Amino acid sequence: MSISAVMPTYARTDLVFERGQGAMMYTADGRSFLDFGAGVAVNALGHAHPHLVAALKAQAEKLWHTSNLYRVAGQEKLAERLVANSFADSVFFCNSGAEAMEGVVKMARRYHQAQGEANKYRVITARNAFHGRTLAMISAGGQEKHLDGFAPNVDGFDHVAFGNLNETRAAITPQTAAVVVEPIQGEGGILPGDLEYMKGLRAMADEFGLLLIFDEVQTGMGRTGKLFAYEWSDITPDAMAVAKGLGGGFPVGACLVTEAVAKVMKPGTHGSTFGGNPLAMAAANAVMDVVLEPGFLPHVRMIADYLWPKLTAVVAKHPKVFELVRGKGLMIGLKCKVPNTEVIARFIDHGLLTVGAADNTVRLLPPLIITEAEVDAAIGIIDRAAASLAP
């Protein structure tokens, strides 16, 4: 049997999209879909956002790539904006969330080893987590479905229950360098960590001299209603990985760190050929232009406040299809009682795009620019699709 020219690593839905506009996507054969997946939380500004399109066009006509052998003006501008609007003092640019996570874990090791603590290299991570698809990051996540066939696992990661401070404390050894956590587990099923858990992790890291690392690849860039999800908990991490929404659809990732972490990184300790290239920086700066506008994040919170009661009501209306709704802002999970694959397929039949997750969950990750009318349309589709699914 011949194999597809495109390696079959995805269970793809048989849809080919030709164009998008705002929260809508259109197939080559003329069908339209309301996009509540946003490319897995990537298209934060929706499709073909005019400011993002204009910024990329302007940069594409000037300069695409120089490498990091030279200063990149867009990097300096974006880094300054990220520093000004977060806990961070310094930023390293890469191309994806997995690369950003690899970067902050490398920095955690070097942070301790620069202080003569060569034995400190292990990282505590939460079970059910997802931090990317590299060999190290599937080991960090620890999920068997991602590890299967890729043994031996990369050493250096110790797994504890998400949300369990006692188990986390018990896992700390003289070799522990850092604790890594997603404020909301995304691929794991939209499982939020409560505020006391986040505060407890910060206190624990301080007590034992560990770095606290947040994976905000999915929660960052306004997804929860604040620029970064850590802001809800009144604590700050020592390092953070961001990507997805940062480029609005253009591949870009970043490691945000404190001065204490950044100062151990010297020329040659880390690098990226494509990271922070002028095109990516133009896209990310354009996203920042919009997200930092005075009314943007209040709009995300307002539209989330409009959506949640309606969604809660439709979930309650269909108790044989849905079990509960959870999440924060516009990062929402529908835990299902029927297989989530059937729910996603039925949503598609009715014109709504969503994303699957673990724990039999459907993710709703709409563009942050959605309107009340688009929320109403999505709720109507969810209601009709659930009615057609009810046993």
Protein backbone atom coordinates (compact mmCIF):
# COMPACT_ATOMS: atom_id res chain seq x y z
CA MET A 1 0.00 0.00 0.00
CA SER A 2 1.37 3.40 -0.94
CA ILE A 3 1.69 6.07 1.71
CA SER A 4 0.51 9.64 1.49
CA ALA A 5 3.11 12.21 0.45
CA VAL A 6 2.09 14.11 3.59
CA MET A 7 3.18 11.95 6.52
CA PRO A 8 0.08 10.51 8.24
CA THR A 9 0.74 11.86 11.74
CA TYR A 10 -2.66 13.57 12.05
CA ALA A 11 -6.22 12.24 12.08
CA ARG A 12 -7.40 15.07 9.85
CA THR A 13 -10.98 16.12 9.23
CA ASP A 14 -11.80 16.05 5.52
CA LEU A 15 -12.05 19.82 5.09
CA VAL A 16 -9.86 22.08 2.97
CA PHE A 17 -10.14 25.76 3.83
CA GLU A 18 -9.53 28.40 1.21
CA ARG A 19 -9.88 31.62 3.16
CA GLY A 20 -10.97 33.14 6.45
CA GLN A 21 -12.34 36.45 7.63
CA GLY A 22 -12.65 37.35 11.29
CA ALA A 23 -14.20 34.38 13.09
CA MET A 24 -15.37 32.70 9.87
CA MET A 25 -13.64 30.16 7.63
CA TYR A 26 -14.64 29.13 4.11
CA THR A 27 -13.91 25.96 2.16
CA ALA A 28 -13.02 25.78 -1.50
CA ASP A 29 -16.49 24.35 -2.23
CA GLY A 30 -18.24 27.31 -0.63
CA ARG A 31 -19.16 26.04 2.84
CA SER A 32 -18.80 28.43 5.79
CA PHE A 33 -17.86 27.62 9.38
CA LEU A 34 -17.78 29.58 12.60
CA ASP A 35 -14.28 29.05 13.96
CA PHE A 36 -14.23 28.28 17.69
CA GLY A 37 -10.89 26.49 17.42
CA ALA A 38 -8.74 29.38 16.17
CA GLY A 39 -6.03 27.03 14.95
CA VAL A 40 -5.76 25.64 18.52
CA ALA A 41 -5.74 29.07 20.21
CA VAL A 42 -3.34 30.53 17.64
CA ASN A 43 -5.49 32.91 15.59
CA ALA A 44 -6.11 35.28 18.48
CA LEU A 45 -7.20 38.08 16.14
CA GLY A 46 -9.18 35.81 13.86
CA HIS A 47 -8.45 35.43 10.17
CA ALA A 48 -7.08 38.10 7.81
CA HIS A 49 -7.02 40.78 10.49
CA PRO A 50 -6.30 43.96 8.51
CA HIS A 51 -3.61 45.31 10.85
CA LEU A 52 -1.77 41.97 10.92
CA VAL A 53 -2.05 41.57 7.14
CA ALA A 54 -0.72 45.08 6.53
CA ALA A 55 2.22 44.59 8.90
CA LEU A 56 3.26 41.32 7.25
CA LYS A 57 2.90 42.75 3.74
CA ALA A 58 5.01 45.77 4.62
CA GLN A 59 7.75 43.66 6.19
CA ALA A 60 7.71 41.05 3.40
CA GLU A 61 8.58 43.77 0.91
CA LYS A 62 11.63 44.81 2.94
CA LEU A 63 13.40 41.94 4.74
CA TRP A 64 12.50 38.38 5.73
CA HIS A 65 15.54 36.91 7.43
CA THR A 66 18.95 38.04 8.63
CA SER A 67 19.82 35.41 11.30
CA ASN A 68 20.75 36.35 14.84
CA LEU A 69 24.29 37.31 13.86
CA TYR A 70 22.92 40.86 13.74
CA ARG A 71 20.58 43.04 15.75
CA VAL A 72 16.93 42.70 14.76
CA ALA A 73 14.96 45.88 15.39
CA GLY A 74 11.65 44.04 15.66
CA GLN A 75 13.06 41.80 18.40
CA GLU A 76 14.17 44.78 20.44
CA LYS A 77 10.77 46.45 20.11
CA LEU A 78 8.79 43.29 20.96
CA ALA A 79 11.06 42.34 23.86
CA GLU A 80 10.67 45.79 25.38
CA ARG A 81 6.89 45.53 25.11
CA LEU A 82 6.76 42.06 26.64
CA VAL A 83 9.03 43.18 29.48
CA ALA A 84 6.93 46.30 30.08
CA ASN A 85 3.74 44.25 30.28
CA SER A 86 4.88 41.23 32.29
CA PHE A 87 7.09 40.10 35.18
CA ALA A 88 10.00 39.49 32.79
CA ASP A 89 13.26 41.38 32.44
CA SER A 90 14.53 39.67 29.29
CA VAL A 91 13.19 37.66 26.35
CA PHE A 92 14.57 35.00 24.00
CA PHE A 93 12.72 34.43 20.71
CA CYS A 94 12.18 31.08 19.02
CA ASN A 95 9.61 29.53 16.68
CA SER A 96 7.15 27.44 18.69
CA GLY A 97 5.80 26.57 22.09
CA ALA A 98 7.83 23.39 22.32
CA GLU A 99 11.02 25.33 21.58
CA ALA A 100 10.09 27.92 24.18
CA MET A 101 9.57 25.19 26.78
CA GLU A 102 12.87 23.53 25.87
CA GLY A 103 14.49 26.92 26.28
CA VAL A 104 13.17 27.66 29.76
CA VAL A 105 14.03 24.16 30.99
CA LYS A 106 17.58 24.59 29.67
CA MET A 107 17.78 27.94 31.45
CA ALA A 108 16.61 26.37 34.72
CA ARG A 109 19.46 23.87 34.59
CA ARG A 110 22.00 26.52 33.74
CA TYR A 111 20.70 28.86 36.46
CA HIS A 112 21.61 26.36 39.17
CA GLN A 113 24.78 25.06 37.54
CA ALA A 114 26.08 28.62 37.17
CA GLN A 115 25.89 28.77 40.95
CA GLY A 116 27.96 25.61 41.33
CA GLU A 117 24.96 23.32 41.88
CA ALA A 118 25.67 20.83 39.12
CA ASN A 119 23.42 18.23 40.77
CA LYS A 120 20.31 20.39 40.35
CA TYR A 121 18.72 19.44 37.03
CA ARG A 122 15.44 17.66 37.71
CA VAL A 123 12.10 19.34 36.98
CA ILE A 124 8.78 18.58 38.63
CA THR A 125 5.88 18.57 36.18
CA ALA A 126 2.18 17.81 36.47
CA ARG A 127 0.61 14.63 35.23
CA ASN A 128 -1.78 15.11 32.32
CA ALA A 129 0.32 18.07 31.13
CA PHE A 130 1.29 18.92 27.58
CA HIS A 131 4.44 20.91 26.86
CA GLY A 132 5.19 20.03 23.23
CA ARG A 133 6.31 17.18 21.00
CA THR A 134 10.12 17.17 21.27
CA LEU A 135 11.70 14.18 23.00
CA ALA A 136 12.32 16.16 26.16
CA MET A 137 8.90 17.75 26.23
CA ILE A 138 6.93 14.52 25.76
CA SER A 139 8.93 13.22 28.71
CA ALA A 140 8.06 16.39 30.63
CA GLY A 141 4.36 15.87 29.87
CA GLY A 142 4.61 12.20 30.74
CA GLN A 143 1.51 11.08 28.86
CA GLU A 144 1.77 7.50 27.63
CA LYS A 145 -0.03 8.24 24.36
CA HIS A 146 2.75 10.71 23.46
CA LEU A 147 5.61 8.58 24.78
CA ASP A 148 4.58 5.33 23.09
CA GLY A 149 7.24 4.20 20.63
CA PHE A 150 9.82 6.80 21.61
CA ALA A 151 11.62 5.10 24.49
CA PRO A 152 13.82 5.65 26.37
CA ASN A 153 12.25 8.66 28.02
CA VAL A 154 14.44 11.70 28.53
CA ASP A 155 15.56 11.68 32.15
CA GLY A 156 15.09 14.63 34.45
CA PHE A 157 11.33 14.92 34.98
CA ASP A 158 9.31 13.91 38.03
CA HIS A 159 5.52 13.84 37.72
CA VAL A 160 2.97 14.76 40.38
CA ALA A 161 -0.77 15.29 40.43
CA PHE A 162 -1.91 18.62 39.01
CA GLY A 163 -3.27 20.81 41.79
CA ASN A 164 -1.72 18.76 44.61
CA LEU A 165 0.71 20.86 46.67
CA ASN A 166 1.45 18.07 49.14
CA GLU A 167 2.50 15.67 46.40
CA THR A 168 4.59 18.38 44.77
CA ARG A 169 6.40 19.12 48.03
CA ALA A 170 7.04 15.41 48.60
CA ALA A 171 8.67 15.13 45.15
CA ILE A 172 11.31 17.78 45.89
CA THR A 173 14.82 16.37 46.27
CA PRO A 174 18.31 17.91 46.42
CA GLN A 175 18.38 17.45 42.62
CA THR A 176 15.23 19.48 41.95
CA ALA A 177 15.84 22.63 39.90
CA ALA A 178 12.36 23.81 38.95
CA VAL A 179 8.63 23.27 38.94
CA VAL A 180 6.73 23.58 35.63
CA VAL A 181 2.99 24.12 35.42
CA GLU A 182 0.28 25.18 32.99
CA PRO A 183 -2.08 27.63 34.74
CA ILE A 184 -4.82 25.81 32.85
CA GLN A 185 -4.06 22.40 31.41
CA GLY A 186 -5.13 22.75 27.79
CA GLU A 187 -4.64 19.51 25.89
CA GLY A 188 -5.29 17.78 29.21
CA GLY A 189 -8.94 18.85 29.10
CA ILE A 190 -9.12 22.56 30.10
CA LEU A 191 -8.36 21.96 33.78
CA PRO A 192 -7.73 25.20 35.69
CA GLY A 193 -5.31 25.32 38.59
CA ASP A 194 -6.94 27.25 41.43
CA LEU A 195 -5.40 30.42 42.81
CA GLU A 196 -4.26 28.84 46.06
CA TYR A 197 -2.41 26.15 44.11
CA MET A 198 -0.55 28.78 42.09
CA LYS A 199 0.29 30.79 45.20
CA GLY A 200 1.38 27.62 46.96
CA LEU A 201 3.74 26.70 44.12
CA ARG A 202 5.34 30.16 44.31
CA ALA A 203 5.83 29.88 48.09
CA MET A 204 7.23 26.37 47.73
CA ALA A 205 9.67 27.41 45.01
CA ASP A 206 10.89 30.26 47.17
CA GLU A 207 11.25 28.01 50.21
CA PHE A 208 13.38 25.43 48.42
CA GLY A 209 15.27 27.76 46.07
CA LEU A 210 13.59 26.42 42.91
CA LEU A 211 12.56 28.20 39.74
CA LEU A 212 8.84 28.40 39.03
CA ILE A 213 8.16 28.03 35.30
CA PHE A 214 4.79 28.69 33.70
CA ASP A 215 3.79 27.18 30.37
CA GLU A 216 1.54 29.91 28.97
CA VAL A 217 1.79 28.77 25.37
CA GLN A 218 -2.00 28.39 25.23
CA THR A 219 -3.17 30.60 28.12
CA GLY A 220 -1.10 33.63 27.17
CA MET A 221 -1.82 36.65 24.97
CA GLY A 222 -5.25 37.47 26.38
CA ARG A 223 -6.84 34.03 26.13
CA THR A 224 -8.13 34.11 29.75
CA GLY A 225 -9.01 37.81 29.78
CA LYS A 226 -5.67 39.09 31.04
CA LEU A 227 -2.52 39.32 28.93
CA PHE A 228 -1.09 36.34 30.84
CA ALA A 229 -2.98 33.91 33.06
CA TYR A 230 -0.51 34.22 35.95
CA GLU A 231 -1.90 37.72 36.51
CA TRP A 232 -5.09 36.25 38.00
CA SER A 233 -3.15 34.71 40.90
CA ASP A 234 -1.16 37.74 42.12
CA ILE A 235 2.12 35.85 41.82
CA THR A 236 4.82 35.83 39.16
CA PRO A 237 6.92 32.99 37.75
CA ASP A 238 10.68 33.09 37.22
CA ALA A 239 10.36 31.97 33.60
CA MET A 240 7.52 31.53 31.17
CA ALA A 241 7.03 30.07 27.70
CA VAL A 242 4.63 31.75 25.26
CA ALA A 243 3.75 31.10 21.61
CA LYS A 244 0.44 30.40 19.79
CA GLY A 245 -1.46 33.71 20.00
CA LEU A 246 1.76 35.74 20.13
CA GLY A 247 2.09 35.61 16.34
CA GLY A 248 -1.61 35.58 15.51
CA GLY A 249 -1.01 32.68 13.11
CA PHE A 250 2.64 33.29 12.25
CA PRO A 251 5.04 30.83 13.95
CA VAL A 252 6.77 32.50 16.89
CA GLY A 253 7.62 31.57 20.46
CA ALA A 254 9.33 33.32 23.32
CA CYS A 255 11.01 32.61 26.66
CA LEU A 256 10.26 35.34 29.20
CA VAL A 257 12.56 35.32 32.23
CA THR A 258 13.71 37.38 35.19
CA GLU A 259 17.10 39.07 35.26
CA ALA A 260 18.43 36.41 37.63
CA VAL A 261 17.77 33.75 34.99
CA ALA A 262 18.76 35.81 31.96
CA LYS A 263 22.16 36.82 33.30
CA VAL A 264 23.44 33.21 33.31
CA MET A 265 22.78 32.95 29.56
CA LYS A 266 25.87 34.02 27.62
CA PRO A 267 26.68 34.04 23.89
CA GLY A 268 26.65 30.46 22.66
CA THR A 269 24.50 29.03 25.47
CA HIS A 270 21.33 29.00 23.37
CA GLY A 271 20.30 30.00 19.88
CA SER A 272 17.93 29.68 16.95
CA THR A 273 18.43 30.16 13.22
CA PHE A 274 14.91 31.38 12.51
CA GLY A 275 13.93 32.62 15.98
CA GLY A 276 12.96 36.28 16.05
CA ASN A 277 13.20 36.77 12.29
CA PRO A 278 11.88 40.08 10.92
CA LEU A 279 8.67 38.56 9.53
CA ALA A 280 7.79 36.89 12.83
CA MET A 281 8.57 40.06 14.75
CA ALA A 282 6.40 42.14 12.43
CA ALA A 283 3.50 39.75 13.03
CA ALA A 284 3.97 39.60 16.80
CA ASN A 285 4.36 43.36 17.13
CA ALA A 286 1.16 43.81 15.13
CA VAL A 287 -0.62 41.42 17.50
CA MET A 288 0.73 43.41 20.45
CA ASP A 289 -0.52 46.64 18.85
CA VAL A 290 -4.06 45.29 18.96
CA VAL A 291 -3.97 43.35 22.23
CA LEU A 292 -2.49 46.31 24.13
CA GLU A 293 -5.15 48.74 22.91
CA PRO A 294 -7.00 50.06 25.99
CA GLY A 295 -10.31 48.32 25.23
CA PHE A 296 -9.08 44.98 23.93
CA LEU A 297 -8.67 42.87 27.09
CA PRO A 298 -11.80 44.37 28.67
CA HIS A 299 -13.64 43.21 25.52
CA VAL A 300 -12.31 39.66 26.01
CA ARG A 301 -13.58 39.65 29.59
CA MET A 302 -16.91 41.18 28.55
CA ILE A 303 -17.53 38.69 25.76
CA ALA A 304 -16.52 35.82 28.08
CA ASP A 305 -19.04 37.09 30.65
CA TYR A 306 -21.65 37.13 27.88
CA LEU A 307 -20.76 33.62 26.67
CA TRP A 308 -20.45 31.68 29.93
CA PRO A 309 -24.04 31.93 31.21
CA LYS A 310 -25.41 30.97 27.82
CA LEU A 311 -23.03 28.03 27.54
CA THR A 312 -23.78 26.88 31.08
CA ALA A 313 -27.48 26.96 30.26
CA VAL A 314 -27.12 24.91 27.08
CA VAL A 315 -24.95 22.35 28.92
CA ALA A 316 -27.64 22.05 31.62
CA LYS A 317 -30.26 21.66 28.89
CA HIS A 318 -28.51 18.58 27.47
CA PRO A 319 -27.41 16.48 30.48
CA LYS A 320 -27.16 13.29 28.41
CA VAL A 321 -24.60 14.91 26.08
CA PHE A 322 -22.62 17.25 28.36
CA GLU A 323 -21.34 16.83 31.89
CA LEU A 324 -19.95 20.27 32.70
CA VAL A 325 -18.21 23.38 31.41
CA ARG A 326 -14.88 24.60 32.80
CA GLY A 327 -12.05 26.97 31.99
CA LYS A 328 -11.43 30.71 32.11
CA GLY A 329 -12.17 33.58 29.77
CA LEU A 330 -12.21 32.30 26.17
CA MET A 331 -10.39 29.07 27.02
CA ILE A 332 -13.33 26.75 27.60
CA GLY A 333 -13.81 23.01 27.91
CA LEU A 334 -17.03 21.05 27.44
CA LYS A 335 -16.69 17.71 29.22
CA CYS A 336 -18.92 15.28 27.37
CA LYS A 337 -20.91 12.18 28.27
CA VAL A 338 -20.93 10.92 24.69
CA PRO A 339 -17.59 10.54 22.87
CA ASN A 340 -16.11 13.97 22.23
CA THR A 341 -15.21 12.90 18.69
CA GLU A 342 -18.93 12.49 17.95
CA VAL A 343 -19.67 15.91 19.43
CA ILE A 344 -16.94 17.58 17.36
CA ALA A 345 -18.17 15.85 14.20
CA ARG A 346 -21.76 16.93 14.86
CA PHE A 347 -20.63 20.50 15.52
CA ILE A 348 -18.90 20.44 12.13
CA ASP A 349 -22.09 19.18 10.50
CA HIS A 350 -23.82 22.26 11.89
CA GLY A 351 -21.04 24.68 10.92
CA LEU A 352 -18.93 25.05 14.10
CA LEU A 353 -15.22 24.23 14.38
CA THR A 354 -13.86 23.12 17.76
CA VAL A 355 -10.86 21.21 19.13
CA GLY A 356 -10.65 17.93 21.04
CA ALA A 357 -8.81 17.40 24.31
CA ALA A 358 -8.24 14.70 26.91
CA ASP A 359 -10.83 13.71 29.53
CA ASN A 360 -13.48 13.45 26.78
CA THR A 361 -13.48 17.22 26.42
CA VAL A 362 -14.24 19.59 23.53
CA ARG A 363 -12.26 22.83 23.57
CA LEU A 364 -13.89 26.12 22.62
CA LEU A 365 -11.09 28.54 21.73
CA PRO A 366 -12.66 31.30 19.65
CA PRO A 367 -10.73 34.28 18.31
CA LEU A 368 -10.55 36.99 20.95
CA ILE A 369 -12.33 39.41 18.61
CA ILE A 370 -15.66 37.52 18.52
CA THR A 371 -18.91 39.44 18.86
CA GLU A 372 -22.08 38.79 20.84
CA ALA A 373 -23.82 37.84 17.59
CA GLU A 374 -21.16 35.19 16.90
CA VAL A 375 -21.51 33.88 20.45
CA ASP A 376 -25.27 33.59 19.91
CA ALA A 377 -24.68 31.74 16.64
CA ALA A 378 -22.28 29.30 18.33
CA ILE A 379 -24.68 28.66 21.22
CA GLY A 380 -27.43 27.94 18.73
CA ILE A 381 -25.25 25.42 16.91
CA ILE A 382 -24.22 23.74 20.16
CA ASP A 383 -27.87 23.48 21.18
CA ARG A 384 -29.01 21.99 17.87
CA ALA A 385 -26.07 19.62 17.63
CA ALA A 386 -26.59 18.39 21.18
CA ALA A 387 -30.29 17.82 20.50
CA SER A 388 -29.37 15.63 17.54
CA LEU A 389 -26.91 13.67 19.69
CA ALA A 390 -29.08 13.00 22.72
CA PRO A 391 -29.71 9.27 23.19
